[in-house]
Each structure stands twice: as structure tokens, then as C-alpha cells.
């Protein structure tokens, strides 16, 4: 079964996390994705990760995690010949994704306006921290910087320890998914219009989207600034509690779940107080009872108990435990790359898409490429002979 983006060619001029994660999603779903890097300054993620040996080979784990299914072409865009090659590729490509500083590609004659004249059907996606317009359009940013600028850090932590950065690079990866969705939307729209278009993805916008319902919109309605609450919320039934051997996150979110919670715990009087108003208004009455009662069993025992009465609750796991849970609940989410280097013990497992399709879903069909691994193949397809390719290599074009 064909995957959704088979027949689509993507030029990937991205680096670090957000951009490569976007193009990885497209590659998993069948797009022919050409990762284009400066031969003198490749993607820095090639040198990052827990394995020093892989880092030294420009194949760091951070790169491997989102490099499968791509082809690698090195191009020095500071040279005229390098820019000519890129334009040749763009003439027949479907998608062009870049996360350079705003204006950097335009200065080299490689902006959307330049490439659109060569290929009106090209979908050109720019990914930056603050977008292409506005006061900070030319400001460089990374995930941690956007977490700070967006106010996300101000919502994280506790009253005693805030602002606090979220550990994983959630804005990077969310921006990658946002860009992939935008590109998929533009490809679908092109089937009706026959034209490509320009897409502007701002990490700041993504961060704001992540906070929409419980923080951002509240401000526009005259609400107070949301303060960090750590592992608890205004509702006693939506919080983290100590058990006999660890922490349990409880989520009796709605009145039905709240009622079932207290009925199961033998408190019909509290079960009667399950209106939306009571859930919050009586929270400080409920909270100490839950605090005491949940210490009676282990977190695992409470998981089973609450599952049986249809109240969401999970014990707080470390990442290794969570990965084991992931494998048991959604088999196939991780793909095992064969051991790529003799000094590395065992295979490396990488995540696929966070969803599954009944037909033609995400799949790894080729390992992450070495830097410039497909130079000869791609340049030959463009019509360059061996002597010309060697000359370009000697002169630092590729």
C-alpha cells in the first residue's frame, strides 16, 4: 500500500530539531526527502548525543532519531554553483522547508519569491522562532528561548520554584508537527488550485497554541494570570498524590468521574457533591481525605482500582518505565535501526509517527544517511558527469 506522500519530493534545508522533525514526519509517510547541508557546517545535531563515537562520525544519536528515510546532499550555498544546483532541484520539487534566520536565504536569491518564478507549484515553508514579520522577525531562537519568551515557563513549576523550563524540547517538536500539518494542508489545497504557496511557521505561535484553553484565552477575557500549581490543580480530583510506594496522578475530571471516584472510596456524601461548582468549590474539603486515603495502597494497586471504576489514574513512571508501557500498549511505535557501526552495541530504536493509519502508515525504509552520502546519485540525476562532480567537490561546492 502506498504511503500518503509517495511521489512528493521535499527539499530539507533545516537543522537542529524543529525543522528536521517536520521533514522526518513527511519522510516516514513516503516523501522523497533530500536533506541539504553545508559541507563545512552541517546540521549540529550530527555531533550531539550520548555516544561520543557516533558524534565523531557526524552521526550523533540526536541526528539519527530524525534522519531515517532521507537522502543527504551537501551544498555550499555561499557559492554560485551551489545556488544553481539548489534552484535546479527546486524546479522539480514539491516542498521546500527551511529554518534559516529570517532573510538569510533571501539575501542569496533563494527566497520564496525567487523560487516561485521557477516553480509556481512549490510549497515553501519557513520555520523561525518569531515568524517573518513583526519586531522580532530577525531574532534567532531555540526551544528554551521560546519557552521563556512565550510565558510557558511562567506556568511551569510550583509557587516556590518558578519559572521553570519544561524538560523536553516540546516547542521544537510541536513546531515540527505544526509545520508538517501545514505542509500537508497546502499539498491538499494544491490539488484544487494547482498552485503552491508560502507557509510561515513561528515557534512562538506554537507555544501559544499549547497554552490556549487554560491560560491564553483566559487573559483575553479579563482573567487573572495563571500561576503554576505544580502537580495539583483547583480540583482535588485532578492532582498527584503520594501512595504507599510512589506517586499517582488522578484525573476525575468531570462530574460523572468525580461521583464514581467517591462512590468507589465509600463516601456517598462526597459523591453527591459532584456539580461543576462543587468540584472546585469543595476541593479543600476533598483534598485531605484523598491525601490520607491514597496512602493505603501502592500506586499500581490504585491504577487497577480506578480503572475498574472508570476513573483515569496512572502512577508516575520514569522514562524507562514509560517506554516499556509504550511498547506494550502501542506496538510498532518504535523502529529498531540495525546496528550501523561495529563499535556500537545493539540497534538504536527511533520513534515513528504518533498516529497509525489503517493503510500506508509511517515506516522506516532506509537508515539515516552519512553526510553527503547521496551527492553522486543526486547530481548525476541532475545531469552532471563524474568529472564535473569531482571538480565541484575539489572546489568546495559540495
Protein backbone atom coordinates (compact mmCIF):
# COMPACT_ATOMS: atom_id res chain seq x y z
CA UNK A 1 0.00 0.00 0.00
CA UNK A 2 1.38 3.40 -0.98
CA UNK A 3 2.07 5.83 1.82
CA UNK A 4 0.38 9.29 1.68
CA UNK A 5 3.34 11.32 0.40
CA UNK A 6 4.87 8.89 -2.07
CA UNK A 7 5.69 10.80 -5.25
CA UNK A 8 6.24 14.04 -3.30
CA UNK A 9 9.78 15.49 -3.25
CA UNK A 10 10.86 17.54 -0.23
CA UNK A 11 13.98 19.71 -0.08
CA UNK A 12 15.03 19.83 3.56
CA UNK A 13 17.22 22.82 4.41
CA UNK A 14 16.71 22.54 8.14
CA UNK A 15 18.87 21.90 11.16
CA UNK A 16 18.67 21.22 14.92
CA UNK A 17 15.25 19.85 16.00
CA UNK A 18 12.04 21.55 14.82
CA UNK A 19 12.80 21.56 11.09
CA UNK A 20 14.31 18.07 10.82
CA UNK A 21 11.45 16.66 12.90
CA UNK A 22 8.97 18.19 10.44
CA UNK A 23 10.67 16.67 7.41
CA UNK A 24 11.11 13.36 9.25
CA UNK A 25 7.32 13.12 9.55
CA UNK A 26 6.97 13.64 5.79
CA UNK A 27 9.73 11.13 5.05
CA UNK A 28 8.12 8.49 7.27
CA UNK A 29 4.97 8.85 5.22
CA UNK A 30 6.73 8.31 1.92
CA UNK A 31 8.07 11.66 0.73
CA UNK A 32 11.40 11.59 -1.10
CA UNK A 33 13.26 13.89 1.27
CA UNK A 34 16.65 15.37 0.40
CA UNK A 35 18.48 16.81 3.39
CA UNK A 36 20.75 19.60 2.17
CA UNK A 37 23.64 20.68 4.41
CA UNK A 38 26.67 22.92 4.14
CA UNK A 39 29.68 20.59 3.72
CA UNK A 40 31.68 22.86 6.05
CA UNK A 41 28.92 23.42 8.60
CA UNK A 42 26.42 20.53 8.64
CA UNK A 43 23.47 20.08 10.96
CA UNK A 44 24.83 20.43 14.51
CA UNK A 45 22.69 17.51 15.68
CA UNK A 46 25.09 15.23 13.83
CA UNK A 47 27.54 15.97 16.66
CA UNK A 48 25.15 15.70 19.59
CA UNK A 49 24.01 12.71 21.63
CA UNK A 50 25.19 10.26 24.29
CA UNK A 51 27.63 8.36 22.04
CA UNK A 52 30.97 10.14 21.58
CA UNK A 53 31.91 7.66 18.84
CA UNK A 54 28.82 8.47 16.82
CA UNK A 55 29.31 12.19 17.39
CA UNK A 56 32.82 11.92 15.99
CA UNK A 57 31.43 10.25 12.87
CA UNK A 58 28.88 13.06 12.32
CA UNK A 59 26.15 10.55 13.11
CA UNK A 60 25.08 11.62 16.60
CA UNK A 61 22.04 10.00 18.16
CA UNK A 62 20.15 13.31 18.04
CA UNK A 63 20.53 13.25 14.26
CA UNK A 64 19.76 9.54 13.92
CA UNK A 65 16.50 9.99 15.81
CA UNK A 66 15.03 12.04 12.97
CA UNK A 67 17.21 11.23 9.97
CA UNK A 68 15.79 7.99 8.59
CA UNK A 69 14.30 7.79 5.08
CA UNK A 70 16.21 10.89 3.95
CA UNK A 71 18.88 11.36 1.32
CA UNK A 72 21.91 13.54 2.10
CA UNK A 73 23.29 16.16 -0.27
CA UNK A 74 25.98 18.66 0.68
CA UNK A 75 25.77 22.08 -0.97
CA UNK A 76 27.72 25.23 -0.23
CA UNK A 77 25.08 27.88 -0.86
CA UNK A 78 27.69 30.61 -0.50
CA UNK A 79 28.92 29.58 -3.94
CA UNK A 80 27.11 30.44 -7.15
CA UNK A 81 27.31 26.84 -8.36
CA UNK A 82 25.76 25.61 -5.13
CA UNK A 83 22.83 28.00 -5.52
CA UNK A 84 22.37 26.95 -9.15
CA UNK A 85 22.10 23.30 -8.08
CA UNK A 86 19.55 24.14 -5.42
CA UNK A 87 17.45 26.03 -7.96
CA UNK A 88 17.61 23.05 -10.28
CA UNK A 89 16.29 20.85 -7.50
CA UNK A 90 13.59 23.35 -6.57
CA UNK A 91 12.33 23.48 -10.14
CA UNK A 92 11.00 19.93 -9.84
CA UNK A 93 10.38 19.72 -6.09
CA UNK A 94 7.02 19.85 -4.34
CA UNK A 95 8.06 21.15 -0.93
CA UNK A 96 10.92 23.35 0.28
CA UNK A 97 11.45 23.56 4.07
CA UNK A 98 13.99 25.86 5.72
CA UNK A 99 14.68 27.22 9.19
CA UNK A 100 17.42 29.74 8.47
CA UNK A 101 17.39 33.13 10.15
CA UNK A 102 14.70 35.29 8.54
CA UNK A 103 16.11 36.95 5.44
CA UNK A 104 19.20 34.73 5.14
CA UNK A 105 18.03 32.79 2.08
CA UNK A 106 16.52 35.90 0.52
CA UNK A 107 19.97 37.51 0.60
CA UNK A 108 21.21 34.58 -1.51
CA UNK A 109 18.37 34.81 -4.02
CA UNK A 110 16.65 31.73 -2.61
CA UNK A 111 13.53 33.21 -1.03
CA UNK A 112 10.04 32.04 -1.93
CA UNK A 113 9.67 34.93 -4.37
CA UNK A 114 12.75 33.75 -6.27
CA UNK A 115 11.88 30.06 -6.38
CA UNK A 116 8.19 30.63 -7.13
CA UNK A 117 9.15 32.01 -10.53
CA UNK A 118 10.92 28.72 -11.30
CA UNK A 119 8.17 26.50 -9.89
CA UNK A 120 4.72 28.03 -9.24
CA UNK A 121 3.59 24.74 -7.67
CA UNK A 122 6.31 24.79 -4.99
CA UNK A 123 5.19 24.85 -1.35
CA UNK A 124 7.81 26.84 0.56
CA UNK A 125 7.79 26.57 4.37
CA UNK A 126 9.89 28.83 6.59
CA UNK A 127 10.32 27.94 10.26
CA UNK A 128 11.64 30.55 12.69
CA UNK A 129 11.31 31.46 16.34
CA UNK A 130 9.15 34.55 15.92
CA UNK A 131 7.89 34.39 12.35
CA UNK A 132 8.86 36.51 9.37
CA UNK A 133 7.01 39.67 10.39
CA UNK A 134 6.98 41.88 13.44
CA UNK A 135 9.53 43.32 15.82
CA UNK A 136 11.41 40.07 16.42
CA UNK A 137 11.29 38.63 12.93
CA UNK A 138 15.08 38.62 12.61
CA UNK A 139 15.78 37.24 16.09
CA UNK A 140 17.37 33.80 16.38
CA UNK A 141 15.70 31.44 18.84
CA UNK A 142 15.72 27.89 20.14
CA UNK A 143 13.20 25.88 22.16
CA UNK A 144 14.37 27.15 25.56
CA UNK A 145 14.32 30.77 24.39
CA UNK A 146 10.76 30.44 23.10
CA UNK A 147 9.69 28.74 26.33
CA UNK A 148 10.91 31.88 28.09
CA UNK A 149 9.51 34.42 25.63
CA UNK A 150 6.09 32.76 25.31
CA UNK A 151 5.32 32.68 29.03
CA UNK A 152 5.32 28.89 29.05
CA UNK A 153 7.99 28.83 31.75
CA UNK A 154 5.89 31.09 33.95
CA UNK A 155 3.18 28.40 34.04
CA UNK A 156 5.52 25.56 34.88
CA UNK A 157 6.79 24.52 38.29
CA UNK A 158 5.38 25.41 41.69
CA UNK A 159 4.82 28.64 43.55
CA UNK A 160 8.19 28.06 45.23
CA UNK A 161 10.08 27.03 42.06
CA UNK A 162 9.04 29.03 39.01
CA UNK A 163 9.59 29.98 36.22
CA UNK A 164 10.78 26.54 35.17
CA UNK A 165 11.62 25.22 31.71
CA UNK A 166 9.82 22.10 30.57
CA UNK A 167 12.48 19.37 30.28
CA UNK A 168 11.95 18.01 26.74
CA UNK A 169 12.10 20.39 23.77
CA UNK A 170 8.31 20.37 23.45
CA UNK A 171 8.12 23.63 21.46
CA UNK A 172 10.61 22.32 18.90
CA UNK A 173 8.79 19.06 18.34
CA UNK A 174 5.35 20.65 18.44
CA UNK A 175 6.53 23.18 15.86
CA UNK A 176 7.77 20.33 13.69
CA UNK A 177 4.38 18.65 13.80
CA UNK A 178 2.66 22.00 13.16
CA UNK A 179 4.80 22.60 10.08
CA UNK A 180 4.17 19.08 8.79
CA UNK A 181 0.42 19.63 9.18
CA UNK A 182 0.65 22.98 7.39
CA UNK A 183 2.55 21.38 4.51
CA UNK A 184 0.05 18.53 4.26
CA UNK A 185 -2.75 21.11 4.17
CA UNK A 186 -1.02 23.09 1.42
CA UNK A 187 -0.44 19.92 -0.62
CA UNK A 188 -4.13 19.08 -0.36
CA UNK A 189 -5.11 22.62 -1.32
CA UNK A 190 -2.80 22.44 -4.33
CA UNK A 191 -4.90 19.58 -5.69
CA UNK A 192 -7.72 22.15 -6.08
CA UNK A 193 -5.76 25.25 -7.10
CA UNK A 194 -2.75 23.83 -8.93
CA UNK A 195 -0.54 26.37 -7.16
CA UNK A 196 1.97 26.24 -4.37
CA UNK A 197 2.22 28.81 -1.60
CA UNK A 198 4.33 30.24 1.20
CA UNK A 199 4.00 28.95 4.79
CA UNK A 200 5.29 30.92 7.78
CA UNK A 201 5.67 28.79 10.93
CA UNK A 202 6.60 30.60 14.14
CA UNK A 203 7.65 28.64 17.22
CA UNK A 204 6.13 31.40 19.36
CA UNK A 205 2.73 30.71 17.78
CA UNK A 206 3.11 27.01 18.52
CA UNK A 207 3.92 27.72 22.16
CA UNK A 208 0.85 29.95 22.44
CA UNK A 209 -1.28 27.19 20.93
CA UNK A 210 -0.05 24.77 23.58
CA UNK A 211 -1.43 27.10 26.27
CA UNK A 212 -4.68 28.15 24.60
CA UNK A 213 -7.55 26.96 26.74
CA UNK A 214 -6.24 27.17 30.26
CA UNK A 215 -4.10 30.29 30.06
CA UNK A 216 -4.01 32.47 26.93
CA UNK A 217 -7.72 32.84 26.25
CA UNK A 218 -8.29 33.47 29.94
CA UNK A 219 -6.21 36.66 29.66
CA UNK A 220 -8.34 37.98 26.80
CA UNK A 221 -11.45 37.52 28.93
CA UNK A 222 -10.02 39.64 31.71
CA UNK A 223 -8.93 36.72 33.82
CA UNK A 224 -6.03 36.70 36.21
CA UNK A 225 -2.61 35.47 35.23
CA UNK A 226 -2.42 31.71 35.59
CA UNK A 227 0.01 30.74 38.32
CA UNK A 228 1.99 27.49 38.42
CA UNK A 229 0.39 24.82 40.57
CA UNK A 230 2.90 22.02 40.20
CA UNK A 231 1.23 18.63 40.39
CA UNK A 232 -2.12 19.85 41.66
CA UNK A 233 -4.99 21.87 40.24
CA UNK A 234 -8.00 23.74 41.56
CA UNK A 235 -9.89 20.43 41.64
CA UNK A 236 -8.91 17.90 44.30
CA UNK A 237 -9.67 15.03 41.93
CA UNK A 238 -7.18 16.30 39.35
CA UNK A 239 -3.86 16.11 41.16
CA UNK A 240 -0.86 13.99 42.10
CA UNK A 241 -0.92 12.12 45.40
CA UNK A 242 1.51 10.03 47.40
CA UNK A 243 0.64 6.36 47.68
CA UNK A 244 2.28 3.62 49.73
CA UNK A 245 5.21 3.38 47.32
CA UNK A 246 5.11 6.26 44.83
CA UNK A 247 3.08 8.96 43.18
CA UNK A 248 -0.29 8.58 41.48
CA UNK A 249 -1.76 11.13 39.07
CA UNK A 250 -5.52 11.22 39.45
CA UNK A 251 -7.87 12.78 36.88
CA UNK A 252 -11.51 12.68 37.98
CA UNK A 253 -12.18 15.46 35.54
CA UNK A 254 -15.92 15.63 35.06
CA UNK A 255 -18.94 15.24 37.39
CA UNK A 256 -19.56 11.61 36.40
CA UNK A 257 -15.97 10.63 37.15
CA UNK A 258 -15.99 12.65 40.36
CA UNK A 259 -19.12 10.85 41.51
CA UNK A 260 -17.68 7.43 40.67
CA UNK A 261 -14.46 8.32 42.50
CA UNK A 262 -16.18 8.99 45.81
CA UNK A 263 -18.64 6.15 45.48
CA UNK A 264 -15.75 3.75 44.98
CA UNK A 265 -13.97 5.20 48.02
CA UNK A 266 -17.06 4.70 50.18
CA UNK A 267 -18.01 8.37 50.51
CA UNK A 268 -21.52 8.74 49.07
CA UNK A 269 -21.79 12.12 50.83
CA UNK A 270 -18.92 13.46 48.72
CA UNK A 271 -20.29 11.73 45.62
CA UNK A 272 -23.41 13.90 45.95
CA UNK A 273 -21.17 16.99 45.73
CA UNK A 274 -20.25 16.47 42.10
CA UNK A 275 -21.56 19.51 40.27
CA UNK A 276 -19.04 21.58 38.34
CA UNK A 277 -19.27 24.23 41.06
CA UNK A 278 -18.81 21.73 43.89
CA UNK A 279 -15.84 20.03 42.28
CA UNK A 280 -13.86 23.26 42.66
CA UNK A 281 -15.75 24.94 45.49
CA UNK A 282 -15.43 21.97 47.85
CA UNK A 283 -11.93 20.97 46.72
CA UNK A 284 -10.25 21.79 50.02
CA UNK A 285 -12.74 19.53 51.77
CA UNK A 286 -11.97 16.64 49.43
CA UNK A 287 -8.22 17.07 49.23
CA UNK A 288 -7.13 15.98 52.74
CA UNK A 289 -9.35 12.90 52.53
CA UNK A 290 -7.72 11.84 49.27
CA UNK A 291 -4.27 12.61 50.66
CA UNK A 292 -4.83 10.24 53.57
CA UNK A 293 -6.78 7.53 51.76
CA UNK A 294 -4.43 7.09 48.79
CA UNK A 295 -1.58 6.09 51.10
CA UNK A 296 -3.43 2.85 51.84
CA UNK A 297 -2.35 1.10 48.62
CA UNK A 298 0.54 1.08 46.17
CA UNK A 299 0.35 3.22 43.05
CA UNK A 300 0.00 0.09 40.89
CA UNK A 301 -2.87 -1.16 43.04
CA UNK A 302 -4.65 2.17 42.74
CA UNK A 303 -4.21 2.05 38.94
CA UNK A 304 -6.19 -1.20 38.86
CA UNK A 305 -8.73 0.05 41.39
CA UNK A 306 -9.53 3.24 39.48
CA UNK A 307 -9.51 1.54 36.10
CA UNK A 308 -12.22 -0.80 37.36
CA UNK A 309 -14.44 2.15 38.31
CA UNK A 310 -13.58 4.11 35.15
CA UNK A 311 -11.68 6.96 36.77
CA UNK A 312 -8.46 7.95 34.92
CA UNK A 313 -5.36 7.44 37.08
CA UNK A 314 -1.77 6.42 36.36
CA UNK A 315 1.27 6.01 38.53
CA UNK A 316 4.09 8.43 37.82
CA UNK A 317 6.67 6.49 35.83
CA UNK A 318 10.27 7.25 34.97
CA UNK A 319 11.14 7.33 31.28
CA UNK A 320 12.39 3.75 31.12
CA UNK A 321 9.14 2.53 32.64
CA UNK A 322 7.17 4.74 30.28
CA UNK A 323 8.96 3.31 27.24
CA UNK A 324 8.12 -0.20 28.40
CA UNK A 325 4.48 0.88 28.74
CA UNK A 326 4.58 2.42 25.27
CA UNK A 327 5.83 -0.81 23.72
CA UNK A 328 3.14 -2.86 25.41
CA UNK A 329 0.26 -0.52 24.54
CA UNK A 330 1.18 0.65 21.02
CA UNK A 331 3.44 -1.94 19.37
CA UNK A 332 5.21 -0.61 16.32
CA UNK A 333 5.69 2.95 17.56
CA UNK A 334 9.45 2.38 17.81
CA UNK A 335 11.54 1.16 14.87
CA UNK A 336 14.80 -0.64 15.51
CA UNK A 337 17.62 0.53 13.27
CA UNK A 338 20.15 -2.19 12.64
CA UNK A 339 23.48 -1.64 14.35
CA UNK A 340 25.13 0.83 11.99
CA UNK A 341 28.66 0.82 13.35
CA UNK A 342 30.70 -2.07 14.72
CA UNK A 343 31.73 -0.19 17.85
CA UNK A 344 28.11 0.40 18.81
CA UNK A 345 26.45 -2.37 20.76
CA UNK A 346 22.99 -3.30 19.61
CA UNK A 347 20.45 -1.47 17.50
CA UNK A 348 19.06 2.02 18.03
CA UNK A 349 15.31 2.40 18.38
CA UNK A 350 13.71 5.53 16.96
CA UNK A 351 10.09 6.73 17.18
CA UNK A 352 7.78 6.73 14.20
CA UNK A 353 4.68 8.91 13.85
CA UNK A 354 2.45 9.46 16.87
CA UNK A 355 -0.53 8.04 14.98
CA UNK A 356 -1.26 4.97 12.90
CA UNK A 357 -3.06 4.64 9.59
CA UNK A 358 -5.06 1.62 8.53
CA UNK A 359 -3.37 1.77 5.13
CA UNK A 360 0.10 3.01 4.18
CA UNK A 361 1.23 4.31 7.56
CA UNK A 362 4.59 5.62 8.73
CA UNK A 363 7.55 3.32 8.11
CA UNK A 364 11.34 3.44 8.08
CA UNK A 365 12.62 2.17 4.74
CA UNK A 366 16.21 3.43 4.83
CA UNK A 367 18.65 4.35 7.63
CA UNK A 368 19.80 7.91 8.34
CA UNK A 369 22.40 8.81 5.68
CA UNK A 370 26.03 9.72 6.15
CA UNK A 371 26.88 13.34 5.35
CA UNK A 372 26.82 13.72 1.56
CA UNK A 373 26.05 10.04 1.03
CA UNK A 374 23.82 10.74 -1.98
CA UNK A 375 25.84 13.53 -3.61
CA UNK A 376 26.82 11.50 -6.65
CA UNK A 377 23.36 9.97 -7.11
CA UNK A 378 21.50 13.28 -6.95
CA UNK A 379 23.98 15.28 -9.03
CA UNK A 380 24.06 12.57 -11.68
CA UNK A 381 20.26 12.70 -11.90
CA UNK A 382 20.59 16.47 -12.49
CA UNK A 383 22.86 15.75 -15.47
CA UNK A 384 26.33 16.35 -14.03
CA UNK A 385 29.10 13.98 -15.14
CA UNK A 386 31.75 12.47 -12.90
CA UNK A 387 34.44 14.99 -13.81
CA UNK A 388 32.17 17.94 -13.03
CA UNK A 389 31.09 16.41 -9.73
CA UNK A 390 34.73 15.86 -8.74
CA UNK A 391 35.55 19.43 -9.70
CA UNK A 392 32.72 20.72 -7.50
CA UNK A 393 33.96 18.58 -4.63
CA UNK A 394 37.52 19.88 -5.04
CA UNK A 395 36.32 23.48 -5.07
CA UNK A 396 34.09 23.12 -2.01
CA UNK A 397 30.75 23.37 -3.80
CA UNK A 398 29.59 20.00 -2.46
